[in-house]
Amino acid sequence: MMIRNYHLNEDVFIERTNELAERQEDVIFMLSGVFPSMENQNGQLVSEPANILICRHAVSTIMEMPSNTIFGSVTIAVSRQHLFALFGQIDHPVVARVLEARENFVFETGISPEIINCASDILRQPVPEIVESLYYKLKCEELLCHIFTILMQRETGPISAMHINDIKAIYAVKSHLQAGFDKPPQIASLAREAGMSEPKLRRLFKQTFGKGVFEYFQAGRMQKAAQMLKDKRLTVSEVGHQLGFTNLSHFSRVFEEHFGLMPKKYSTL
């Protein structure tokens, strides 16, 4: 297990290619944005997106760590054999793909309140040193239970193995969506940029993120709206216009659908 809880003064970009040792079959669970926010310095810091990334240890990744962003994450590496011993009785195609871990795959999903509570317990470490090792092991297994609970809520269906180039293409699409929340996505254009057909893009994107392209875009748009209301202290009107909504009533309705609160009420919490 590795814990990160800090912010950076400069941008950091790391290209990481994980080479597997012989018979090594680790699965990586990276839980980002799971700790309570550090004290903000006059609104200059923003929180990293909260999500869970699950992949084989051998998957190449590029980590983009921008400055003035709060990083609070727990990364867990688990052998396939240990995962199977813990969760092998679960009959679900997504869980089965994680447990098999024989071909490249990437799943990304959101976090739950239970995960945030468990991660906070890890950060506080309310145990004496002599039982630290056991405590951390149990907390890791608790986090894994919550993660598999979330995965089991996904729609069932065929799951394809993904070539590393497909994984990179899908994450380039994700980056494109996150870079422009003021404009709805155009599937045809995204498919051309990804070098794949529209059906393949839709299928692999939903397989990876558990949501269709537009559903993912709208959810990210609302997360961005919430961040702007909280971290940047912008008004509802300012946030709506910056995110491309011409009708503020429509923006408020969509926001309420995602968070259960109108944006003005959310901004006062």
C-alpha atoms as a PDB file:
ATOM      1  CA  MET A   1       0.000   0.000   0.000  1.00  0.00           C
ATOM      2  CA  MET A   2       1.152   3.553  -0.785  1.00  0.00           C
ATOM      3  CA  ILE A   3      -0.442   6.720   0.618  1.00  0.00           C
ATOM      4  CA  ARG A   4      -0.224  10.222  -0.907  1.00  0.00           C
ATOM      5  CA  ASN A   5      -1.451  13.277   0.984  1.00  0.00           C
ATOM      6  CA  TYR A   6       0.155  16.499  -0.268  1.00  0.00           C
ATOM      7  CA  HIS A   7       0.088  19.219  -2.918  1.00  0.00           C
ATOM      8  CA  LEU A   8       2.789  20.204  -5.415  1.00  0.00           C
ATOM      9  CA  ASN A   9       4.282  23.622  -6.124  1.00  0.00           C
ATOM     10  CA  GLU A  10       5.244  22.598  -9.689  1.00  0.00           C
ATOM     11  CA  ASP A  11       3.661  20.435 -12.394  1.00  0.00           C
ATOM     12  CA  VAL A  12       4.951  16.842 -12.507  1.00  0.00           C
ATOM     13  CA  PHE A  13       4.514  14.428 -15.420  1.00  0.00           C
ATOM     14  CA  ILE A  14       5.619  10.809 -15.023  1.00  0.00           C
ATOM     15  CA  GLU A  15       5.495   8.142 -17.722  1.00  0.00           C
ATOM     16  CA  ARG A  16       5.502   4.832 -15.926  1.00  0.00           C
ATOM     17  CA  THR A  17       5.974   1.499 -17.712  1.00  0.00           C
ATOM     18  CA  ASN A  18       5.582  -1.350 -15.256  1.00  0.00           C
ATOM     19  CA  GLU A  19       7.465  -4.455 -16.302  1.00  0.00           C
ATOM     20  CA  LEU A  20       6.221  -7.644 -14.681  1.00  0.00           C
ATOM     21  CA  ALA A  21       8.634  -9.969 -12.953  1.00  0.00           C
ATOM     22  CA  GLU A  22       8.309 -13.663 -13.784  1.00  0.00           C
ATOM     23  CA  ARG A  23       4.919 -15.019 -12.618  1.00  0.00           C
ATOM     24  CA  GLN A  24       4.021 -11.630 -11.105  1.00  0.00           C
ATOM     25  CA  GLU A  25       0.293 -11.006 -11.494  1.00  0.00           C
ATOM     26  CA  ASP A  26      -0.416  -8.022  -9.290  1.00  0.00           C
ATOM     27  CA  VAL A  27      -3.578  -5.982  -9.735  1.00  0.00           C
ATOM     28  CA  ILE A  28      -3.425  -2.272  -8.905  1.00  0.00           C
ATOM     29  CA  PHE A  29      -6.235  -0.374  -7.170  1.00  0.00           C
ATOM     30  CA  MET A  30      -5.608   3.380  -7.082  1.00  0.00           C
ATOM     31  CA  LEU A  31      -8.131   5.348  -5.031  1.00  0.00           C
ATOM     32  CA  SER A  32      -7.733   9.088  -5.702  1.00  0.00           C
ATOM     33  CA  GLY A  33      -9.265  12.034  -3.887  1.00  0.00           C
ATOM     34  CA  VAL A  34     -10.359   9.930  -0.904  1.00  0.00           C
ATOM     35  CA  PHE A  35      -8.960  12.006   1.968  1.00  0.00           C
ATOM     36  CA  PRO A  36     -10.578  15.067   3.526  1.00  0.00           C
ATOM     37  CA  SER A  37      -9.246  18.230   1.849  1.00  0.00           C
ATOM     38  CA  MET A  38      -6.154  19.809   3.366  1.00  0.00           C
ATOM     39  CA  GLU A  39      -6.473  23.392   4.532  1.00  0.00           C
ATOM     40  CA  ASN A  40      -6.905  25.497   1.410  1.00  0.00           C
ATOM     41  CA  GLN A  41      -4.599  28.484   0.954  1.00  0.00           C
ATOM     42  CA  ASN A  42      -6.960  31.324   0.064  1.00  0.00           C
ATOM     43  CA  GLY A  43      -8.696  29.145  -2.515  1.00  0.00           C
ATOM     44  CA  GLN A  44      -5.477  28.587  -4.491  1.00  0.00           C
ATOM     45  CA  LEU A  45      -5.603  24.787  -4.208  1.00  0.00           C
ATOM     46  CA  VAL A  46      -8.061  22.459  -5.927  1.00  0.00           C
ATOM     47  CA  SER A  47      -8.762  18.826  -5.115  1.00  0.00           C
ATOM     48  CA  GLU A  48      -7.817  16.036  -7.521  1.00  0.00           C
ATOM     49  CA  PRO A  49     -10.744  14.168  -9.120  1.00  0.00           C
ATOM     50  CA  ALA A  50     -12.151  11.443  -6.877  1.00  0.00           C
ATOM     51  CA  ASN A  51     -12.123   8.053  -8.622  1.00  0.00           C
ATOM     52  CA  ILE A  52     -10.851   4.480  -8.501  1.00  0.00           C
ATOM     53  CA  LEU A  53      -8.529   3.082 -11.188  1.00  0.00           C
ATOM     54  CA  ILE A  54      -8.133  -0.705 -11.455  1.00  0.00           C
ATOM     55  CA  CYS A  55      -5.621  -2.281 -13.842  1.00  0.00           C
ATOM     56  CA  ARG A  56      -2.925  -4.894 -14.242  1.00  0.00           C
ATOM     57  CA  HIS A  57       0.460  -3.942 -12.861  1.00  0.00           C
ATOM     58  CA  ALA A  58       1.907  -4.132 -16.376  1.00  0.00           C
ATOM     59  CA  VAL A  59      -0.285  -1.399 -17.861  1.00  0.00           C
ATOM     60  CA  SER A  60       1.763   1.630 -18.929  1.00  0.00           C
ATOM     61  CA  THR A  61       0.462   4.916 -17.543  1.00  0.00           C
ATOM     62  CA  ILE A  62       1.199   8.605 -17.750  1.00  0.00           C
ATOM     63  CA  MET A  63       0.636  10.393 -14.466  1.00  0.00           C
ATOM     64  CA  GLU A  64      -0.170  14.087 -14.786  1.00  0.00           C
ATOM     65  CA  MET A  65       0.169  15.846 -11.435  1.00  0.00           C
ATOM     66  CA  PRO A  66      -0.556  19.568 -11.816  1.00  0.00           C
ATOM     67  CA  SER A  67       0.648  22.149  -9.331  1.00  0.00           C
ATOM     68  CA  ASN A  68      -1.667  23.609  -6.681  1.00  0.00           C
ATOM     69  CA  THR A  69      -3.709  20.399  -6.649  1.00  0.00           C
ATOM     70  CA  ILE A  70      -4.348  18.440  -3.464  1.00  0.00           C
ATOM     71  CA  PHE A  71      -3.462  14.748  -3.906  1.00  0.00           C
ATOM     72  CA  GLY A  72      -4.993  12.370  -1.391  1.00  0.00           C
ATOM     73  CA  SER A  73      -4.834   8.760  -2.531  1.00  0.00           C
ATOM     74  CA  VAL A  74      -4.378   5.161  -1.450  1.00  0.00           C
ATOM     75  CA  THR A  75      -2.780   2.728  -3.929  1.00  0.00           C
ATOM     76  CA  ILE A  76      -3.026  -0.998  -3.230  1.00  0.00           C
ATOM     77  CA  ALA A  77      -1.148  -3.732  -5.119  1.00  0.00           C
ATOM     78  CA  VAL A  78      -2.613  -7.227  -4.643  1.00  0.00           C
ATOM     79  CA  SER A  79      -1.599 -10.560  -6.110  1.00  0.00           C
ATOM     80  CA  ARG A  80      -4.182 -12.293  -8.273  1.00  0.00           C
ATOM     81  CA  GLN A  81      -3.999 -15.336  -6.021  1.00  0.00           C
ATOM     82  CA  HIS A  82      -4.857 -13.325  -2.910  1.00  0.00           C
ATOM     83  CA  LEU A  83      -7.711 -11.542  -4.689  1.00  0.00           C
ATOM     84  CA  PHE A  84      -9.151 -14.863  -5.795  1.00  0.00           C
ATOM     85  CA  ALA A  85      -8.953 -16.209  -2.235  1.00  0.00           C
ATOM     86  CA  LEU A  86     -10.912 -13.184  -0.992  1.00  0.00           C
ATOM     87  CA  PHE A  87     -13.475 -12.708  -3.775  1.00  0.00           C
ATOM     88  CA  GLY A  88     -13.413 -15.848  -5.934  1.00  0.00           C
ATOM     89  CA  GLN A  89     -16.958 -16.767  -4.912  1.00  0.00           C
ATOM     90  CA  ILE A  90     -18.455 -13.675  -6.615  1.00  0.00           C
ATOM     91  CA  ASP A  91     -20.238 -14.415  -9.895  1.00  0.00           C
ATOM     92  CA  HIS A  92     -20.016 -11.201 -11.909  1.00  0.00           C
ATOM     93  CA  PRO A  93     -18.251 -10.620 -15.284  1.00  0.00           C
ATOM     94  CA  VAL A  94     -16.431  -7.429 -14.221  1.00  0.00           C
ATOM     95  CA  VAL A  95     -15.218  -9.012 -10.987  1.00  0.00           C
ATOM     96  CA  ALA A  96     -14.190 -12.124 -12.922  1.00  0.00           C
ATOM     97  CA  ARG A  97     -12.061 -10.056 -15.320  1.00  0.00           C
ATOM     98  CA  VAL A  98     -10.263  -8.395 -12.389  1.00  0.00           C
ATOM     99  CA  LEU A  99      -9.642 -11.746 -10.693  1.00  0.00           C
ATOM    100  CA  GLU A 100      -8.353 -13.369 -13.887  1.00  0.00           C
ATOM    101  CA  ALA A 101      -5.970 -10.487 -14.621  1.00  0.00           C
ATOM    102  CA  ARG A 102      -4.437 -12.397 -17.545  1.00  0.00           C
ATOM    103  CA  GLU A 103      -4.949  -9.738 -20.223  1.00  0.00           C
ATOM    104  CA  ASN A 104      -4.720  -5.957 -20.141  1.00  0.00           C
ATOM    105  CA  PHE A 105      -7.771  -4.244 -18.740  1.00  0.00           C
ATOM    106  CA  VAL A 106      -8.641  -0.939 -17.106  1.00  0.00           C
ATOM    107  CA  PHE A 107     -11.723  -0.152 -15.072  1.00  0.00           C
ATOM    108  CA  GLU A 108     -12.400   3.248 -13.571  1.00  0.00           C
ATOM    109  CA  THR A 109     -15.265   4.076 -11.250  1.00  0.00           C
ATOM    110  CA  GLY A 110     -16.409   6.582  -8.657  1.00  0.00           C
ATOM    111  CA  ILE A 111     -15.969   6.365  -4.913  1.00  0.00           C
ATOM    112  CA  SER A 112     -18.520   5.866  -2.147  1.00  0.00           C
ATOM    113  CA  PRO A 113     -18.939   7.459   1.316  1.00  0.00           C
ATOM    114  CA  GLU A 114     -17.853   4.139   2.834  1.00  0.00           C
ATOM    115  CA  ILE A 115     -14.538   4.338   0.958  1.00  0.00           C
ATOM    116  CA  ILE A 116     -13.938   7.901   2.149  1.00  0.00           C
ATOM    117  CA  ASN A 117     -14.628   6.864   5.755  1.00  0.00           C
ATOM    118  CA  CYS A 118     -12.288   3.881   5.535  1.00  0.00           C
ATOM    119  CA  ALA A 119      -9.507   5.932   3.907  1.00  0.00           C
ATOM    120  CA  SER A 120      -9.861   8.562   6.623  1.00  0.00           C
ATOM    121  CA  ASP A 121      -9.354   5.833   9.247  1.00  0.00           C
ATOM    122  CA  ILE A 122      -6.114   4.829   7.515  1.00  0.00           C
ATOM    123  CA  LEU A 123      -4.861   8.406   7.564  1.00  0.00           C
ATOM    124  CA  ARG A 124      -5.594   8.800  11.261  1.00  0.00           C
ATOM    125  CA  GLN A 125      -3.950   5.448  12.123  1.00  0.00           C
ATOM    126  CA  PRO A 126      -5.545   5.131  15.582  1.00  0.00           C
ATOM    127  CA  VAL A 127      -3.551   2.037  16.636  1.00  0.00           C
ATOM    128  CA  PRO A 128      -0.237   1.347  18.395  1.00  0.00           C
ATOM    129  CA  GLU A 129       2.791   0.539  16.281  1.00  0.00           C
ATOM    130  CA  ILE A 130       2.849  -3.139  17.258  1.00  0.00           C
ATOM    131  CA  VAL A 131      -0.416  -3.820  15.385  1.00  0.00           C
ATOM    132  CA  GLU A 132       0.112  -1.370  12.505  1.00  0.00           C
ATOM    133  CA  SER A 133       0.795  -4.084   9.937  1.00  0.00           C
ATOM    134  CA  LEU A 134      -2.372  -6.025  10.765  1.00  0.00           C
ATOM    135  CA  TYR A 135      -4.424  -2.821  10.919  1.00  0.00           C
ATOM    136  CA  TYR A 136      -3.315  -1.679   7.448  1.00  0.00           C
ATOM    137  CA  LYS A 137      -3.907  -5.149   5.977  1.00  0.00           C
ATOM    138  CA  LEU A 138      -7.463  -5.231   7.328  1.00  0.00           C
ATOM    139  CA  LYS A 139      -8.172  -1.706   6.098  1.00  0.00           C
ATOM    140  CA  CYS A 140      -6.882  -2.592   2.621  1.00  0.00           C
ATOM    141  CA  GLU A 141      -9.203  -5.592   2.538  1.00  0.00           C
ATOM    142  CA  GLU A 142     -12.085  -3.404   3.722  1.00  0.00           C
ATOM    143  CA  LEU A 143     -11.398  -0.966   0.873  1.00  0.00           C
ATOM    144  CA  LEU A 144     -11.316  -3.864  -1.599  1.00  0.00           C
ATOM    145  CA  CYS A 145     -14.721  -5.041  -0.316  1.00  0.00           C
ATOM    146  CA  HIS A 146     -16.186  -1.586  -0.980  1.00  0.00           C
ATOM    147  CA  ILE A 147     -14.561  -1.465  -4.450  1.00  0.00           C
ATOM    148  CA  PHE A 148     -15.962  -4.844  -5.490  1.00  0.00           C
ATOM    149  CA  THR A 149     -19.366  -3.800  -4.177  1.00  0.00           C
ATOM    150  CA  ILE A 150     -19.272  -0.846  -6.596  1.00  0.00           C
ATOM    151  CA  LEU A 151     -18.089  -3.038  -9.498  1.00  0.00           C
ATOM    152  CA  MET A 152     -20.968  -5.463  -8.927  1.00  0.00           C
ATOM    153  CA  GLN A 153     -23.412  -2.605  -9.567  1.00  0.00           C
ATOM    154  CA  ARG A 154     -22.232  -2.282 -13.173  1.00  0.00           C
ATOM    155  CA  GLU A 155     -24.317  -3.605 -16.030  1.00  0.00           C
ATOM    156  CA  THR A 156     -23.323  -7.094 -17.052  1.00  0.00           C
ATOM    157  CA  GLY A 157     -22.237  -7.808 -20.608  1.00  0.00           C
ATOM    158  CA  PRO A 158     -19.295  -9.008 -22.726  1.00  0.00           C
ATOM    159  CA  ILE A 159     -15.916  -7.597 -21.687  1.00  0.00           C
ATOM    160  CA  SER A 160     -13.150  -7.316 -24.255  1.00  0.00           C
ATOM    161  CA  ALA A 161      -9.426  -7.492 -23.652  1.00  0.00           C
ATOM    162  CA  MET A 162      -7.837  -4.125 -24.434  1.00  0.00           C
ATOM    163  CA  HIS A 163      -4.605  -3.535 -26.310  1.00  0.00           C
ATOM    164  CA  ILE A 164      -2.412  -0.930 -24.631  1.00  0.00           C
ATOM    165  CA  ASN A 165      -3.002   1.389 -27.617  1.00  0.00           C
ATOM    166  CA  ASP A 166      -6.769   1.141 -27.094  1.00  0.00           C
ATOM    167  CA  ILE A 167      -6.326   1.991 -23.417  1.00  0.00           C
ATOM    168  CA  LYS A 168      -4.268   5.051 -24.329  1.00  0.00           C
ATOM    169  CA  ALA A 169      -6.846   6.091 -26.958  1.00  0.00           C
ATOM    170  CA  ILE A 170      -9.753   5.766 -24.519  1.00  0.00           C
ATOM    171  CA  TYR A 171      -7.913   7.834 -21.915  1.00  0.00           C
ATOM    172  CA  ALA A 172      -7.122  10.448 -24.578  1.00  0.00           C
ATOM    173  CA  VAL A 173     -10.890  10.659 -25.172  1.00  0.00           C
ATOM    174  CA  LYS A 174     -11.412  11.048 -21.433  1.00  0.00           C
ATOM    175  CA  SER A 175      -8.844  13.887 -21.338  1.00  0.00           C
ATOM    176  CA  HIS A 176     -10.573  15.552 -24.287  1.00  0.00           C
ATOM    177  CA  LEU A 177     -13.923  15.441 -22.471  1.00  0.00           C
ATOM    178  CA  GLN A 178     -12.434  16.844 -19.272  1.00  0.00           C
ATOM    179  CA  ALA A 179     -10.688  19.667 -21.120  1.00  0.00           C
ATOM    180  CA  GLY A 180     -13.907  21.084 -22.560  1.00  0.00           C
ATOM    181  CA  PHE A 181     -16.941  20.804 -20.293  1.00  0.00           C
ATOM    182  CA  ASP A 182     -18.476  23.809 -22.039  1.00  0.00           C
ATOM    183  CA  LYS A 183     -19.129  21.832 -25.262  1.00  0.00           C
ATOM    184  CA  PRO A 184     -21.055  18.537 -25.542  1.00  0.00           C
ATOM    185  CA  PRO A 185     -18.984  15.710 -27.104  1.00  0.00           C
ATOM    186  CA  GLN A 186     -19.228  14.770 -30.771  1.00  0.00           C
ATOM    187  CA  ILE A 187     -18.882  10.978 -31.016  1.00  0.00           C
ATOM    188  CA  ALA A 188     -17.840  10.951 -34.676  1.00  0.00           C
ATOM    189  CA  SER A 189     -15.014  13.410 -34.037  1.00  0.00           C
ATOM    190  CA  LEU A 190     -13.847  11.548 -30.913  1.00  0.00           C
ATOM    191  CA  ALA A 191     -13.832   8.229 -32.784  1.00  0.00           C
ATOM    192  CA  ARG A 192     -11.677   9.670 -35.582  1.00  0.00           C
ATOM    193  CA  GLU A 193      -9.186  11.046 -33.043  1.00  0.00           C
ATOM    194  CA  ALA A 194      -9.106   7.685 -31.249  1.00  0.00           C
ATOM    195  CA  GLY A 195      -8.571   5.797 -34.514  1.00  0.00           C
ATOM    196  CA  MET A 196     -11.522   3.472 -33.976  1.00  0.00           C
ATOM    197  CA  SER A 197     -15.111   3.069 -35.125  1.00  0.00           C
ATOM    198  CA  GLU A 198     -17.932   4.780 -33.241  1.00  0.00           C
ATOM    199  CA  PRO A 199     -19.389   1.454 -31.956  1.00  0.00           C
ATOM    200  CA  LYS A 200     -15.957   0.365 -30.685  1.00  0.00           C
ATOM    201  CA  LEU A 201     -15.404   3.712 -28.972  1.00  0.00           C
ATOM    202  CA  ARG A 202     -18.809   3.566 -27.278  1.00  0.00           C
ATOM    203  CA  ARG A 203     -18.263  -0.052 -26.178  1.00  0.00           C
ATOM    204  CA  LEU A 204     -14.723   0.333 -24.804  1.00  0.00           C
ATOM    205  CA  PHE A 205     -15.494   3.667 -23.155  1.00  0.00           C
ATOM    206  CA  LYS A 206     -18.489   2.235 -21.303  1.00  0.00           C
ATOM    207  CA  GLN A 207     -16.533  -0.903 -20.429  1.00  0.00           C
ATOM    208  CA  THR A 208     -13.749   1.194 -18.915  1.00  0.00           C
ATOM    209  CA  PHE A 209     -15.758   3.846 -17.093  1.00  0.00           C
ATOM    210  CA  GLY A 210     -19.123   2.177 -16.564  1.00  0.00           C
ATOM    211  CA  LYS A 211     -20.863   5.086 -18.309  1.00  0.00           C
ATOM    212  CA  GLY A 212     -21.533   6.092 -21.895  1.00  0.00           C
ATOM    213  CA  VAL A 213     -19.583   9.008 -23.366  1.00  0.00           C
ATOM    214  CA  PHE A 214     -22.277  11.665 -22.852  1.00  0.00           C
ATOM    215  CA  GLU A 215     -23.290  10.301 -19.443  1.00  0.00           C
ATOM    216  CA  TYR A 216     -19.633  10.469 -18.364  1.00  0.00           C
ATOM    217  CA  PHE A 217     -19.300  13.981 -19.789  1.00  0.00           C
ATOM    218  CA  GLN A 218     -22.388  15.213 -17.939  1.00  0.00           C
ATOM    219  CA  ALA A 219     -21.284  13.645 -14.645  1.00  0.00           C
ATOM    220  CA  GLY A 220     -17.824  15.229 -14.995  1.00  0.00           C
ATOM    221  CA  ARG A 221     -19.430  18.534 -15.909  1.00  0.00           C
ATOM    222  CA  MET A 222     -21.425  18.485 -12.668  1.00  0.00           C
ATOM    223  CA  GLN A 223     -18.361  17.518 -10.625  1.00  0.00           C
ATOM    224  CA  LYS A 224     -16.585  20.498 -12.183  1.00  0.00           C
ATOM    225  CA  ALA A 225     -19.561  22.698 -11.319  1.00  0.00           C
ATOM    226  CA  ALA A 226     -19.454  21.539  -7.707  1.00  0.00           C
ATOM    227  CA  GLN A 227     -15.710  22.223  -7.547  1.00  0.00           C
ATOM    228  CA  MET A 228     -16.161  25.722  -8.973  1.00  0.00           C
ATOM    229  CA  LEU A 229     -18.930  26.500  -6.500  1.00  0.00           C
ATOM    230  CA  LYS A 230     -16.876  25.269  -3.535  1.00  0.00           C
ATOM    231  CA  ASP A 231     -13.215  25.913  -4.337  1.00  0.00           C
ATOM    232  CA  LYS A 232     -13.468  28.995  -6.531  1.00  0.00           C
ATOM    233  CA  ARG A 233     -16.519  30.491  -4.808  1.00  0.00           C
ATOM    234  CA  LEU A 234     -18.145  31.451  -8.102  1.00  0.00           C
ATOM    235  CA  THR A 235     -21.834  32.275  -8.360  1.00  0.00           C
ATOM    236  CA  VAL A 236     -24.353  29.847  -9.844  1.00  0.00           C
ATOM    237  CA  SER A 237     -24.719  32.106 -12.882  1.00  0.00           C
ATOM    238  CA  GLU A 238     -20.939  32.287 -13.424  1.00  0.00           C
ATOM    239  CA  VAL A 239     -20.538  28.505 -13.138  1.00  0.00           C
ATOM    240  CA  GLY A 240     -23.451  27.770 -15.470  1.00  0.00           C
ATOM    241  CA  HIS A 241     -22.197  30.106 -18.188  1.00  0.00           C
ATOM    242  CA  GLN A 242     -18.592  28.873 -17.945  1.00  0.00           C
ATOM    243  CA  LEU A 243     -19.814  25.292 -18.414  1.00  0.00           C
ATOM    244  CA  GLY A 244     -21.792  26.146 -21.541  1.00  0.00           C
ATOM    245  CA  PHE A 245     -25.329  26.286 -20.141  1.00  0.00           C
ATOM    246  CA  THR A 246     -27.412  28.998 -21.793  1.00  0.00           C
ATOM    247  CA  ASN A 247     -30.406  28.201 -19.570  1.00  0.00           C
ATOM    248  CA  LEU A 248     -29.560  28.481 -15.870  1.00  0.00           C
ATOM    249  CA  SER A 249     -32.781  26.741 -14.852  1.00  0.00           C
ATOM    250  CA  HIS A 250     -31.698  23.726 -16.891  1.00  0.00           C
ATOM    251  CA  PHE A 251     -28.251  23.846 -15.256  1.00  0.00           C
ATOM    252  CA  SER A 252     -29.834  23.904 -11.790  1.00  0.00           C
ATOM    253  CA  ARG A 253     -32.078  20.927 -12.625  1.00  0.00           C
ATOM    254  CA  VAL A 254     -29.185  18.832 -13.947  1.00  0.00           C
ATOM    255  CA  PHE A 255     -27.070  19.731 -10.899  1.00  0.00           C
ATOM    256  CA  GLU A 256     -29.885  18.733  -8.544  1.00  0.00           C
ATOM    257  CA  GLU A 257     -30.257  15.387 -10.334  1.00  0.00           C
ATOM    258  CA  HIS A 258     -26.597  14.608  -9.589  1.00  0.00           C
ATOM    259  CA  PHE A 259     -26.242  15.972  -6.049  1.00  0.00           C
ATOM    260  CA  GLY A 260     -29.770  16.108  -4.661  1.00  0.00           C
ATOM    261  CA  LEU A 261     -29.402  19.831  -3.992  1.00  0.00           C
ATOM    262  CA  MET A 262     -29.825  22.997  -6.025  1.00  0.00           C
ATOM    263  CA  PRO A 263     -26.425  24.594  -6.786  1.00  0.00           C
ATOM    264  CA  LYS A 264     -27.082  27.687  -4.647  1.00  0.00           C
ATOM    265  CA  LYS A 265     -27.885  25.518  -1.628  1.00  0.00           C
ATOM    266  CA  TYR A 266     -24.845  23.307  -2.332  1.00  0.00           C
ATOM    267  CA  SER A 267     -22.530  26.327  -2.413  1.00  0.00           C
ATOM    268  CA  THR A 268     -23.530  27.303   1.143  1.00  0.00           C
ATOM    269  CA  LEU A 269     -22.713  23.939   2.736  1.00  0.00           C
END
